[in-house]
Amino acid sequence: MSTATENKMKGKFDEVAGKVKQSVGEATHNANLANKGTAQQVKGQAEQALGSVKSAVNETAADARMRANESRAVHENEAHNKAHDVRESIASTAQNVKNKIQDSVADYRAKHEK
């Protein structure tokens, strides 16, 4: 399958060649050659249009891939941050529990060392 650029170049070539054929056909009163030239111009224009469509599709696909990658990165970063926050919360809770236990042990010892 040809690329967008190849389609555009081939189309431009056919368009120019068709104009030449049409001009020569009209100049020599050769209706058949003039008609073939016109048909080749139409073919060239269609080929160029196909190249433009391919370019647009490629650009749209590239843009969609870029946006998907950006979105994935944002979600991965959000998940990483959330996991970090959960770990911090667990560590903080564990520290608080440890401190309360140590305070309770210290209170117990203070009451019973008398």
PDB file of N, CA and C in Angstrom:
ATOM      1  N   MET A   1       0.845  -1.171   0.000  1.00  0.00           N
ATOM      2  CA  MET A   1       0.000   0.000   0.000  1.00  0.00           C
ATOM      3  C   MET A   1       0.895   1.240   0.000  1.00  0.00           C
ATOM      4  N   SER A   2       0.525   2.200  -0.785  1.00  0.00           N
ATOM      5  CA  SER A   2       1.346   3.402  -0.890  1.00  0.00           C
ATOM      6  C   SER A   2       1.047   4.372   0.245  1.00  0.00           C
ATOM      7  N   THR A   3       2.009   5.225   0.497  1.00  0.00           N
ATOM      8  CA  THR A   3       1.857   6.204   1.568  1.00  0.00           C
ATOM      9  C   THR A   3       1.076   7.409   1.054  1.00  0.00           C
ATOM     10  N   ALA A   4       0.699   8.267   1.979  1.00  0.00           N
ATOM     11  CA  ALA A   4      -0.036   9.473   1.626  1.00  0.00           C
ATOM     12  C   ALA A   4       0.775  10.333   0.656  1.00  0.00           C
ATOM     13  N   THR A   5       2.061  10.467   0.935  1.00  0.00           N
ATOM     14  CA  THR A   5       2.919  11.293   0.081  1.00  0.00           C
ATOM     15  C   THR A   5       3.025  10.693  -1.321  1.00  0.00           C
ATOM     16  N   GLU A   6       3.154   9.371  -1.385  1.00  0.00           N
ATOM     17  CA  GLU A   6       3.226   8.709  -2.697  1.00  0.00           C
ATOM     18  C   GLU A   6       1.935   8.929  -3.475  1.00  0.00           C
ATOM     19  N   ASN A   7       0.795   8.832  -2.791  1.00  0.00           N
ATOM     20  CA  ASN A   7      -0.485   9.064  -3.458  1.00  0.00           C
ATOM     21  C   ASN A   7      -0.560  10.498  -3.991  1.00  0.00           C
ATOM     22  N   LYS A   8      -0.141  11.457  -3.176  1.00  0.00           N
ATOM     23  CA  LYS A   8      -0.198  12.854  -3.593  1.00  0.00           C
ATOM     24  C   LYS A   8       0.722  13.117  -4.789  1.00  0.00           C
ATOM     25  N   MET A   9       1.935  12.535  -4.747  1.00  0.00           N
ATOM     26  CA  MET A   9       2.882  12.737  -5.851  1.00  0.00           C
ATOM     27  C   MET A   9       2.381  12.079  -7.134  1.00  0.00           C
ATOM     28  N   LYS A  10       1.900  10.852  -7.019  1.00  0.00           N
ATOM     29  CA  LYS A  10       1.383  10.149  -8.192  1.00  0.00           C
ATOM     30  C   LYS A  10       0.186  10.897  -8.756  1.00  0.00           C
ATOM     31  N   GLY A  11      -0.661  11.365  -7.865  1.00  0.00           N
ATOM     32  CA  GLY A  11      -1.835  12.123  -8.304  1.00  0.00           C
ATOM     33  C   GLY A  11      -1.452  13.399  -9.021  1.00  0.00           C
ATOM     34  N   LYS A  12      -0.469  14.113  -8.501  1.00  0.00           N
ATOM     35  CA  LYS A  12      -0.025  15.361  -9.142  1.00  0.00           C
ATOM     36  C   LYS A  12       0.558  15.058 -10.520  1.00  0.00           C
ATOM     37  N   PHE A  13       1.336  13.980 -10.606  1.00  0.00           N
ATOM     38  CA  PHE A  13       1.904  13.589 -11.895  1.00  0.00           C
ATOM     39  C   PHE A  13       0.791  13.303 -12.902  1.00  0.00           C
ATOM     40  N   ASP A  14      -0.211  12.494 -12.492  1.00  0.00           N
ATOM     41  CA  ASP A  14      -1.330  12.174 -13.393  1.00  0.00           C
ATOM     42  C   ASP A  14      -2.101  13.427 -13.788  1.00  0.00           C
ATOM     43  N   GLU A  15      -2.262  14.338 -12.839  1.00  0.00           N
ATOM     44  CA  GLU A  15      -2.994  15.570 -13.145  1.00  0.00           C
ATOM     45  C   GLU A  15      -2.251  16.384 -14.210  1.00  0.00           C
ATOM     46  N   VAL A  16      -0.947  16.555 -14.031  1.00  0.00           N
ATOM     47  CA  VAL A  16      -0.146  17.336 -14.982  1.00  0.00           C
ATOM     48  C   VAL A  16      -0.085  16.625 -16.335  1.00  0.00           C
ATOM     49  N   ALA A  17       0.152  15.323 -16.309  1.00  0.00           N
ATOM     50  CA  ALA A  17       0.216  14.562 -17.568  1.00  0.00           C
ATOM     51  C   ALA A  17      -1.125  14.628 -18.291  1.00  0.00           C
ATOM     52  N   GLY A  18      -2.211  14.561 -17.530  1.00  0.00           N
ATOM     53  CA  GLY A  18      -3.535  14.653 -18.139  1.00  0.00           C
ATOM     54  C   GLY A  18      -3.777  16.006 -18.777  1.00  0.00           C
ATOM     55  N   LYS A  19      -3.308  17.081 -18.138  1.00  0.00           N
ATOM     56  CA  LYS A  19      -3.464  18.417 -18.716  1.00  0.00           C
ATOM     57  C   LYS A  19      -2.702  18.518 -20.034  1.00  0.00           C
ATOM     58  N   VAL A  20      -1.494  17.940 -20.049  1.00  0.00           N
ATOM     59  CA  VAL A  20      -0.698  17.956 -21.279  1.00  0.00           C
ATOM     60  C   VAL A  20      -1.437  17.194 -22.380  1.00  0.00           C
ATOM     61  N   LYS A  21      -1.927  15.986 -22.072  1.00  0.00           N
ATOM     62  CA  LYS A  21      -2.659  15.186 -23.067  1.00  0.00           C
ATOM     63  C   LYS A  21      -3.890  15.934 -23.565  1.00  0.00           C
ATOM     64  N   GLN A  22      -4.609  16.543 -22.630  1.00  0.00           N
ATOM     65  CA  GLN A  22      -5.815  17.274 -23.017  1.00  0.00           C
ATOM     66  C   GLN A  22      -5.452  18.427 -23.959  1.00  0.00           C
ATOM     67  N   SER A  23      -4.409  19.165 -23.610  1.00  0.00           N
ATOM     68  CA  SER A  23      -3.989  20.305 -24.433  1.00  0.00           C
ATOM     69  C   SER A  23      -3.538  19.860 -25.820  1.00  0.00           C
ATOM     70  N   VAL A  24      -2.749  18.790 -25.853  1.00  0.00           N
ATOM     71  CA  VAL A  24      -2.271  18.277 -27.144  1.00  0.00           C
ATOM     72  C   VAL A  24      -3.452  17.775 -27.968  1.00  0.00           C
ATOM     73  N   GLY A  25      -4.365  17.048 -27.308  1.00  0.00           N
ATOM     74  CA  GLY A  25      -5.542  16.534 -28.010  1.00  0.00           C
ATOM     75  C   GLY A  25      -6.398  17.647 -28.575  1.00  0.00           C
ATOM     76  N   GLU A  26      -6.582  18.700 -27.793  1.00  0.00           N
ATOM     77  CA  GLU A  26      -7.383  19.826 -28.279  1.00  0.00           C
ATOM     78  C   GLU A  26      -6.662  20.569 -29.395  1.00  0.00           C
ATOM     79  N   ALA A  27      -5.348  20.710 -29.277  1.00  0.00           N
ATOM     80  CA  ALA A  27      -4.572  21.417 -30.293  1.00  0.00           C
ATOM     81  C   ALA A  27      -4.548  20.667 -31.617  1.00  0.00           C
ATOM     82  N   THR A  28      -4.599  19.332 -31.533  1.00  0.00           N
ATOM     83  CA  THR A  28      -4.535  18.514 -32.759  1.00  0.00           C
ATOM     84  C   THR A  28      -5.916  18.029 -33.173  1.00  0.00           C
ATOM     85  N   HIS A  29      -6.937  18.516 -32.496  1.00  0.00           N
ATOM     86  CA  HIS A  29      -8.330  18.118 -32.758  1.00  0.00           C
ATOM     87  C   HIS A  29      -8.525  16.618 -32.610  1.00  0.00           C
ATOM     88  N   ASN A  30      -7.783  16.047 -31.638  1.00  0.00           N
ATOM     89  CA  ASN A  30      -7.901  14.613 -31.344  1.00  0.00           C
ATOM     90  C   ASN A  30      -8.742  14.495 -30.073  1.00  0.00           C
ATOM     91  N   ALA A  31     -10.042  14.320 -30.247  1.00  0.00           N
ATOM     92  CA  ALA A  31     -10.977  14.262 -29.118  1.00  0.00           C
ATOM     93  C   ALA A  31     -10.654  13.097 -28.190  1.00  0.00           C
ATOM     94  N   ASN A  32     -10.241  11.972 -28.749  1.00  0.00           N
ATOM     95  CA  ASN A  32      -9.919  10.795 -27.944  1.00  0.00           C
ATOM     96  C   ASN A  32      -8.773  11.105 -26.967  1.00  0.00           C
ATOM     97  N   LEU A  33      -7.711  11.747 -27.450  1.00  0.00           N
ATOM     98  CA  LEU A  33      -6.569  12.086 -26.608  1.00  0.00           C
ATOM     99  C   LEU A  33      -6.971  13.146 -25.571  1.00  0.00           C
ATOM    100  N   ALA A  34      -7.767  14.119 -25.987  1.00  0.00           N
ATOM    101  CA  ALA A  34      -8.227  15.156 -25.062  1.00  0.00           C
ATOM    102  C   ALA A  34      -9.079  14.535 -23.954  1.00  0.00           C
ATOM    103  N   ASN A  35      -9.948  13.593 -24.305  1.00  0.00           N
ATOM    104  CA  ASN A  35     -10.787  12.909 -23.313  1.00  0.00           C
ATOM    105  C   ASN A  35      -9.945  12.073 -22.349  1.00  0.00           C
ATOM    106  N   LYS A  36      -8.943  11.374 -22.904  1.00  0.00           N
ATOM    107  CA  LYS A  36      -8.052  10.590 -22.043  1.00  0.00           C
ATOM    108  C   LYS A  36      -7.290  11.510 -21.084  1.00  0.00           C
ATOM    109  N   GLY A  37      -6.897  12.663 -21.578  1.00  0.00           N
ATOM    110  CA  GLY A  37      -6.194  13.615 -20.730  1.00  0.00           C
ATOM    111  C   GLY A  37      -7.078  14.113 -19.588  1.00  0.00           C
ATOM    112  N   THR A  38      -8.334  14.396 -19.905  1.00  0.00           N
ATOM    113  CA  THR A  38      -9.268  14.840 -18.874  1.00  0.00           C
ATOM    114  C   THR A  38      -9.483  13.733 -17.849  1.00  0.00           C
ATOM    115  N   ALA A  39      -9.641  12.502 -18.328  1.00  0.00           N
ATOM    116  CA  ALA A  39      -9.828  11.365 -17.421  1.00  0.00           C
ATOM    117  C   ALA A  39      -8.607  11.181 -16.526  1.00  0.00           C
ATOM    118  N   GLN A  40      -7.428  11.366 -17.089  1.00  0.00           N
ATOM    119  CA  GLN A  40      -6.204  11.220 -16.292  1.00  0.00           C
ATOM    120  C   GLN A  40      -6.108  12.339 -15.247  1.00  0.00           C
ATOM    121  N   GLN A  41      -6.575  13.526 -15.564  1.00  0.00           N
ATOM    122  CA  GLN A  41      -6.602  14.616 -14.582  1.00  0.00           C
ATOM    123  C   GLN A  41      -7.524  14.262 -13.416  1.00  0.00           C
ATOM    124  N   VAL A  42      -8.689  13.715 -13.754  1.00  0.00           N
ATOM    125  CA  VAL A  42      -9.638  13.321 -12.708  1.00  0.00           C
ATOM    126  C   VAL A  42      -9.030  12.244 -11.828  1.00  0.00           C
ATOM    127  N   LYS A  43      -8.389  11.273 -12.465  1.00  0.00           N
ATOM    128  CA  LYS A  43      -7.716  10.209 -11.714  1.00  0.00           C
ATOM    129  C   LYS A  43      -6.648  10.804 -10.791  1.00  0.00           C
ATOM    130  N   GLY A  44      -5.871  11.746 -11.297  1.00  0.00           N
ATOM    131  CA  GLY A  44      -4.827  12.383 -10.490  1.00  0.00           C
ATOM    132  C   GLY A  44      -5.401  13.150  -9.316  1.00  0.00           C
ATOM    133  N   GLN A  45      -6.492  13.846  -9.543  1.00  0.00           N
ATOM    134  CA  GLN A  45      -7.118  14.591  -8.460  1.00  0.00           C
ATOM    135  C   GLN A  45      -7.668  13.647  -7.396  1.00  0.00           C
ATOM    136  N   ALA A  46      -8.244  12.533  -7.848  1.00  0.00           N
ATOM    137  CA  ALA A  46      -8.755  11.538  -6.896  1.00  0.00           C
ATOM    138  C   ALA A  46      -7.605  10.926  -6.090  1.00  0.00           C
ATOM    139  N   GLU A  47      -6.494  10.663  -6.742  1.00  0.00           N
ATOM    140  CA  GLU A  47      -5.315  10.096  -6.080  1.00  0.00           C
ATOM    141  C   GLU A  47      -4.776  11.080  -5.029  1.00  0.00           C
ATOM    142  N   GLN A  48      -4.754  12.357  -5.374  1.00  0.00           N
ATOM    143  CA  GLN A  48      -4.304  13.372  -4.412  1.00  0.00           C
ATOM    144  C   GLN A  48      -5.273  13.457  -3.227  1.00  0.00           C
ATOM    145  N   ALA A  49      -6.561  13.364  -3.520  1.00  0.00           N
ATOM    146  CA  ALA A  49      -7.556  13.391  -2.439  1.00  0.00           C
ATOM    147  C   ALA A  49      -7.357  12.199  -1.519  1.00  0.00           C
ATOM    148  N   LEU A  50      -7.072  11.036  -2.093  1.00  0.00           N
ATOM    149  CA  LEU A  50      -6.802   9.844  -1.283  1.00  0.00           C
ATOM    150  C   LEU A  50      -5.589  10.081  -0.388  1.00  0.00           C
ATOM    151  N   GLY A  51      -4.558  10.697  -0.939  1.00  0.00           N
ATOM    152  CA  GLY A  51      -3.373  11.015  -0.145  1.00  0.00           C
ATOM    153  C   GLY A  51      -3.709  11.954   1.008  1.00  0.00           C
ATOM    154  N   SER A  52      -4.576  12.919   0.756  1.00  0.00           N
ATOM    155  CA  SER A  52      -4.992  13.842   1.817  1.00  0.00           C
ATOM    156  C   SER A  52      -5.761  13.116   2.906  1.00  0.00           C
ATOM    157  N   VAL A  53      -6.629  12.199   2.504  1.00  0.00           N
ATOM    158  CA  VAL A  53      -7.391  11.413   3.485  1.00  0.00           C
ATOM    159  C   VAL A  53      -6.443  10.563   4.325  1.00  0.00           C
ATOM    160  N   LYS A  54      -5.482   9.923   3.665  1.00  0.00           N
ATOM    161  CA  LYS A  54      -4.512   9.108   4.399  1.00  0.00           C
ATOM    162  C   LYS A  54      -3.734   9.957   5.394  1.00  0.00           C
ATOM    163  N   SER A  55      -3.337  11.164   4.985  1.00  0.00           N
ATOM    164  CA  SER A  55      -2.616  12.060   5.892  1.00  0.00           C
ATOM    165  C   SER A  55      -3.468  12.392   7.108  1.00  0.00           C
ATOM    166  N   ALA A  56      -4.729  12.721   6.859  1.00  0.00           N
ATOM    167  CA  ALA A  56      -5.627  13.066   7.960  1.00  0.00           C
ATOM    168  C   ALA A  56      -5.821  11.889   8.903  1.00  0.00           C
ATOM    169  N   VAL A  57      -5.982  10.699   8.340  1.00  0.00           N
ATOM    170  CA  VAL A  57      -6.150   9.498   9.171  1.00  0.00           C
ATOM    171  C   VAL A  57      -4.895   9.250  10.006  1.00  0.00           C
ATOM    172  N   ASN A  58      -3.739   9.367   9.379  1.00  0.00           N
ATOM    173  CA  ASN A  58      -2.479   9.160  10.102  1.00  0.00           C
ATOM    174  C   ASN A  58      -2.300  10.180  11.213  1.00  0.00           C
ATOM    175  N   GLU A  59      -2.617  11.438  10.936  1.00  0.00           N
ATOM    176  CA  GLU A  59      -2.490  12.483  11.954  1.00  0.00           C
ATOM    177  C   GLU A  59      -3.471  12.244  13.099  1.00  0.00           C
ATOM    178  N   THR A  60      -4.700  11.847  12.755  1.00  0.00           N
ATOM    179  CA  THR A  60      -5.710  11.586  13.783  1.00  0.00           C
ATOM    180  C   THR A  60      -5.302  10.402  14.650  1.00  0.00           C
ATOM    181  N   ALA A  61      -4.796   9.353  14.020  1.00  0.00           N
ATOM    182  CA  ALA A  61      -4.353   8.179  14.775  1.00  0.00           C
ATOM    183  C   ALA A  61      -3.177   8.529  15.681  1.00  0.00           C
ATOM    184  N   ALA A  62      -2.240   9.311  15.171  1.00  0.00           N
ATOM    185  CA  ALA A  62      -1.089   9.713  15.985  1.00  0.00           C
ATOM    186  C   ALA A  62      -1.546  10.569  17.162  1.00  0.00           C
ATOM    187  N   ASP A  63      -2.490  11.466  16.908  1.00  0.00           N
ATOM    188  CA  ASP A  63      -3.013  12.311  17.983  1.00  0.00           C
ATOM    189  C   ASP A  63      -3.733  11.464  19.032  1.00  0.00           C
ATOM    190  N   ALA A  64      -4.517  10.495  18.574  1.00  0.00           N
ATOM    191  CA  ALA A  64      -5.237   9.620  19.515  1.00  0.00           C
ATOM    192  C   ALA A  64      -4.251   8.809  20.358  1.00  0.00           C
ATOM    193  N   ARG A  65      -3.184   8.297  19.724  1.00  0.00           N
ATOM    194  CA  ARG A  65      -2.164   7.555  20.477  1.00  0.00           C
ATOM    195  C   ARG A  65      -1.506   8.457  21.513  1.00  0.00           C
ATOM    196  N   MET A  66      -1.202   9.697  21.118  1.00  0.00           N
ATOM    197  CA  MET A  66      -0.559  10.629  22.039  1.00  0.00           C
ATOM    198  C   MET A  66      -1.484  10.920  23.229  1.00  0.00           C
ATOM    199  N   ARG A  67      -2.767  11.180  22.941  1.00  0.00           N
ATOM    200  CA  ARG A  67      -3.701  11.466  24.034  1.00  0.00           C
ATOM    201  C   ARG A  67      -3.897  10.253  24.929  1.00  0.00           C
ATOM    202  N   ALA A  68      -3.926   9.064  24.352  1.00  0.00           N
ATOM    203  CA  ALA A  68      -4.062   7.848  25.158  1.00  0.00           C
ATOM    204  C   ALA A  68      -2.840   7.662  26.055  1.00  0.00           C
ATOM    205  N   ASN A  69      -1.659   7.912  25.512  1.00  0.00           N
ATOM    206  CA  ASN A  69      -0.441   7.790  26.315  1.00  0.00           C
ATOM    207  C   ASN A  69      -0.413   8.821  27.436  1.00  0.00           C
ATOM    208  N   GLU A  70      -0.841  10.050  27.131  1.00  0.00           N
ATOM    209  CA  GLU A  70      -0.903  11.078  28.173  1.00  0.00           C
ATOM    210  C   GLU A  70      -1.895  10.687  29.262  1.00  0.00           C
ATOM    211  N   SER A  71      -3.051  10.192  28.841  1.00  0.00           N
ATOM    212  CA  SER A  71      -4.079   9.788  29.796  1.00  0.00           C
ATOM    213  C   SER A  71      -3.586   8.635  30.664  1.00  0.00           C
ATOM    214  N   ARG A  72      -2.911   7.675  30.033  1.00  0.00           N
ATOM    215  CA  ARG A  72      -2.369   6.534  30.771  1.00  0.00           C
ATOM    216  C   ARG A  72      -1.358   7.018  31.804  1.00  0.00           C
ATOM    217  N   ALA A  73      -0.505   7.954  31.403  1.00  0.00           N
ATOM    218  CA  ALA A  73       0.517   8.477  32.324  1.00  0.00           C
ATOM    219  C   ALA A  73      -0.142   9.199  33.500  1.00  0.00           C
ATOM    220  N   VAL A  74      -1.194   9.969  33.226  1.00  0.00           N
ATOM    221  CA  VAL A  74      -1.901  10.674  34.297  1.00  0.00           C
ATOM    222  C   VAL A  74      -2.508   9.672  35.272  1.00  0.00           C
ATOM    223  N   HIS A  75      -3.163   8.634  34.728  1.00  0.00           N
ATOM    224  CA  HIS A  75      -3.798   7.638  35.597  1.00  0.00           C
ATOM    225  C   HIS A  75      -2.771   6.846  36.391  1.00  0.00           C
ATOM    226  N   GLU A  76      -1.655   6.524  35.754  1.00  0.00           N
ATOM    227  CA  GLU A  76      -0.599   5.812  36.483  1.00  0.00           C
ATOM    228  C   GLU A  76      -0.041   6.687  37.597  1.00  0.00           C
ATOM    229  N   ASN A  77       0.121   7.968  37.321  1.00  0.00           N
ATOM    230  CA  ASN A  77       0.630   8.892  38.337  1.00  0.00           C
ATOM    231  C   ASN A  77      -0.375   9.032  39.478  1.00  0.00           C
ATOM    232  N   GLU A  78      -1.663   9.131  39.138  1.00  0.00           N
ATOM    233  CA  GLU A  78      -2.693   9.222  40.173  1.00  0.00           C
ATOM    234  C   GLU A  78      -2.709   7.964  41.038  1.00  0.00           C
ATOM    235  N   ALA A  79      -2.586   6.804  40.401  1.00  0.00           N
ATOM    236  CA  ALA A  79      -2.570   5.543  41.148  1.00  0.00           C
ATOM    237  C   ALA A  79      -1.338   5.474  42.051  1.00  0.00           C
ATOM    238  N   HIS A  80      -0.215   5.905  41.534  1.00  0.00           N
ATOM    239  CA  HIS A  80       1.027   5.919  42.332  1.00  0.00           C
ATOM    240  C   HIS A  80       0.852   6.832  43.547  1.00  0.00           C
ATOM    241  N   ASN A  81       0.298   8.027  43.308  1.00  0.00           N
ATOM    242  CA  ASN A  81       0.094   8.972  44.411  1.00  0.00           C
ATOM    243  C   ASN A  81      -0.886   8.435  45.441  1.00  0.00           C
ATOM    244  N   LYS A  82      -1.946   7.799  44.981  1.00  0.00           N
ATOM    245  CA  LYS A  82      -2.941   7.236  45.901  1.00  0.00           C
ATOM    246  C   LYS A  82      -2.304   6.116  46.734  1.00  0.00           C
ATOM    247  N   ALA A  83      -1.539   5.254  46.095  1.00  0.00           N
ATOM    248  CA  ALA A  83      -0.868   4.174  46.818  1.00  0.00           C
ATOM    249  C   ALA A  83       0.098   4.756  47.852  1.00  0.00           C
ATOM    250  N   HIS A  84       0.814   5.812  47.475  1.00  0.00           N
ATOM    251  CA  HIS A  84       1.723   6.470  48.414  1.00  0.00           C
ATOM    252  C   HIS A  84       0.943   7.004  49.616  1.00  0.00           C
ATOM    253  N   ASP A  85      -0.198   7.665  49.344  1.00  0.00           N
ATOM    254  CA  ASP A  85      -1.011   8.214  50.428  1.00  0.00           C
ATOM    255  C   ASP A  85      -1.515   7.114  51.361  1.00  0.00           C
ATOM    256  N   VAL A  86      -1.932   5.982  50.796  1.00  0.00           N
ATOM    257  CA  VAL A  86      -2.405   4.864  51.616  1.00  0.00           C
ATOM    258  C   VAL A  86      -1.268   4.333  52.484  1.00  0.00           C
ATOM    259  N   ARG A  87      -0.086   4.166  51.898  1.00  0.00           N
ATOM    260  CA  ARG A  87       1.059   3.690  52.679  1.00  0.00           C
ATOM    261  C   ARG A  87       1.399   4.664  53.799  1.00  0.00           C
ATOM    262  N   GLU A  88       1.381   5.950  53.501  1.00  0.00           N
ATOM    263  CA  GLU A  88       1.654   6.963  54.523  1.00  0.00           C
ATOM    264  C   GLU A  88       0.620   6.901  55.643  1.00  0.00           C
ATOM    265  N   SER A  89      -0.636   6.723  55.284  1.00  0.00           N
ATOM    266  CA  SER A  89      -1.703   6.637  56.283  1.00  0.00           C
ATOM    267  C   SER A  89      -1.530   5.411  57.179  1.00  0.00           C
ATOM    268  N   ILE A  90      -1.181   4.290  56.572  1.00  0.00           N
ATOM    269  CA  ILE A  90      -0.956   3.062  57.345  1.00  0.00           C
ATOM    270  C   ILE A  90       0.226   3.247  58.295  1.00  0.00           C
ATOM    271  N   ALA A  91       1.313   3.810  57.787  1.00  0.00           N
ATOM    272  CA  ALA A  91       2.499   4.029  58.620  1.00  0.00           C
ATOM    273  C   ALA A  91       2.181   4.993  59.769  1.00  0.00           C
ATOM    274  N   SER A  92       1.430   6.042  59.489  1.00  0.00           N
ATOM    275  CA  SER A  92       1.058   7.002  60.520  1.00  0.00           C
ATOM    276  C   SER A  92       0.172   6.357  61.583  1.00  0.00           C
ATOM    277  N   THR A  93      -0.787   5.554  61.140  1.00  0.00           N
ATOM    278  CA  THR A  93      -1.667   4.857  62.077  1.00  0.00           C
ATOM    279  C   THR A  93      -0.858   3.904  62.955  1.00  0.00           C
ATOM    280  N   ALA A  94       0.062   3.183  62.354  1.00  0.00           N
ATOM    281  CA  ALA A  94       0.903   2.267  63.124  1.00  0.00           C
ATOM    282  C   ALA A  94       1.736   3.041  64.148  1.00  0.00           C
ATOM    283  N   GLN A  95       2.261   4.193  63.758  1.00  0.00           N
ATOM    284  CA  GLN A  95       3.044   5.027  64.681  1.00  0.00           C
ATOM    285  C   GLN A  95       2.157   5.488  65.842  1.00  0.00           C
ATOM    286  N   ASN A  96       0.940   5.900  65.543  1.00  0.00           N
ATOM    287  CA  ASN A  96       0.011   6.339  66.588  1.00  0.00           C
ATOM    288  C   ASN A  96      -0.331   5.200  67.554  1.00  0.00           C
ATOM    289  N   VAL A  97      -0.563   4.013  67.027  1.00  0.00           N
ATOM    290  CA  VAL A  97      -0.869   2.849  67.872  1.00  0.00           C
ATOM    291  C   VAL A  97       0.326   2.541  68.768  1.00  0.00           C
ATOM    292  N   LYS A  98       1.518   2.532  68.188  1.00  0.00           N
ATOM    293  CA  LYS A  98       2.735   2.273  68.965  1.00  0.00           C
ATOM    294  C   LYS A  98       2.871   3.297  70.094  1.00  0.00           C
ATOM    295  N   ASN A  99       2.672   4.570  69.784  1.00  0.00           N
ATOM    296  CA  ASN A  99       2.787   5.622  70.796  1.00  0.00           C
ATOM    297  C   ASN A  99       1.762   5.433  71.911  1.00  0.00           C
ATOM    298  N   LYS A 100       0.541   5.078  71.570  1.00  0.00           N
ATOM    299  CA  LYS A 100      -0.498   4.857  72.589  1.00  0.00           C
ATOM    300  C   LYS A 100      -0.144   3.673  73.483  1.00  0.00           C
ATOM    301  N   ILE A 101       0.368   2.612  72.853  1.00  0.00           N
ATOM    302  CA  ILE A 101       0.763   1.436  73.648  1.00  0.00           C
ATOM    303  C   ILE A 101       1.903   1.815  74.589  1.00  0.00           C
ATOM    304  N   GLN A 102       2.888   2.529  74.069  1.00  0.00           N
ATOM    305  CA  GLN A 102       4.013   2.942  74.915  1.00  0.00           C
ATOM    306  C   GLN A 102       3.540   3.852  76.054  1.00  0.00           C
ATOM    307  N   ASP A 103       2.613   4.751  75.759  1.00  0.00           N
ATOM    308  CA  ASP A 103       2.066   5.621  76.805  1.00  0.00           C
ATOM    309  C   ASP A 103       1.314   4.804  77.846  1.00  0.00           C
ATOM    310  N   SER A 104       0.540   3.818  77.376  1.00  0.00           N
ATOM    311  CA  SER A 104      -0.208   2.967  78.309  1.00  0.00           C
ATOM    312  C   SER A 104       0.741   2.159  79.189  1.00  0.00           C
ATOM    313  N   VAL A 105       1.798   1.622  78.611  1.00  0.00           N
ATOM    314  CA  VAL A 105       2.789   0.866  79.371  1.00  0.00           C
ATOM    315  C   VAL A 105       3.461   1.784  80.395  1.00  0.00           C
ATOM    316  N   ALA A 106       3.799   2.979  79.980  1.00  0.00           N
ATOM    317  CA  ALA A 106       4.435   3.929  80.898  1.00  0.00           C
ATOM    318  C   ALA A 106       3.483   4.277  82.037  1.00  0.00           C
ATOM    319  N   ASP A 107       2.194   4.494  81.745  1.00  0.00           N
ATOM    320  CA  ASP A 107       1.195   4.778  82.783  1.00  0.00           C
ATOM    321  C   ASP A 107       1.066   3.594  83.736  1.00  0.00           C
ATOM    322  N   TYR A 108       1.026   2.392  83.175  1.00  0.00           N
ATOM    323  CA  TYR A 108       0.897   1.185  83.993  1.00  0.00           C
ATOM    324  C   TYR A 108       2.088   1.072  84.947  1.00  0.00           C
ATOM    325  N   ARG A 109       3.280   1.248  84.407  1.00  0.00           N
ATOM    326  CA  ARG A 109       4.497   1.155  85.224  1.00  0.00           C
ATOM    327  C   ARG A 109       4.503   2.221  86.327  1.00  0.00           C
ATOM    328  N   ALA A 110       4.081   3.430  85.962  1.00  0.00           N
ATOM    329  CA  ALA A 110       4.070   4.513  86.944  1.00  0.00           C
ATOM    330  C   ALA A 110       3.098   4.224  88.079  1.00  0.00           C
ATOM    331  N   LYS A 111       1.965   3.618  87.776  1.00  0.00           N
ATOM    332  CA  LYS A 111       0.973   3.290  88.804  1.00  0.00           C
ATOM    333  C   LYS A 111       1.442   2.134  89.665  1.00  0.00           C
ATOM    334  N   HIS A 112       2.167   1.208  89.091  1.00  0.00           N
ATOM    335  CA  HIS A 112       2.526  -0.025  89.820  1.00  0.00           C
ATOM    336  C   HIS A 112       3.942  -0.010  90.392  1.00  0.00           C
ATOM    337  N   GLU A 113       4.699   0.997  90.202  1.00  0.00           N
ATOM    338  CA  GLU A 113       6.061   1.059  90.750  1.00  0.00           C
ATOM    339  C   GLU A 113       6.059   1.704  92.139  1.00  0.00           C
ATOM    340  N   LYS A 114       5.006   2.103  92.607  1.00  0.00           N
ATOM    341  CA  LYS A 114       4.930   2.767  93.910  1.00  0.00           C
ATOM    342  C   LYS A 114       5.073   1.850  95.050  1.00  0.00           C
TER     343      LYS A 114
END
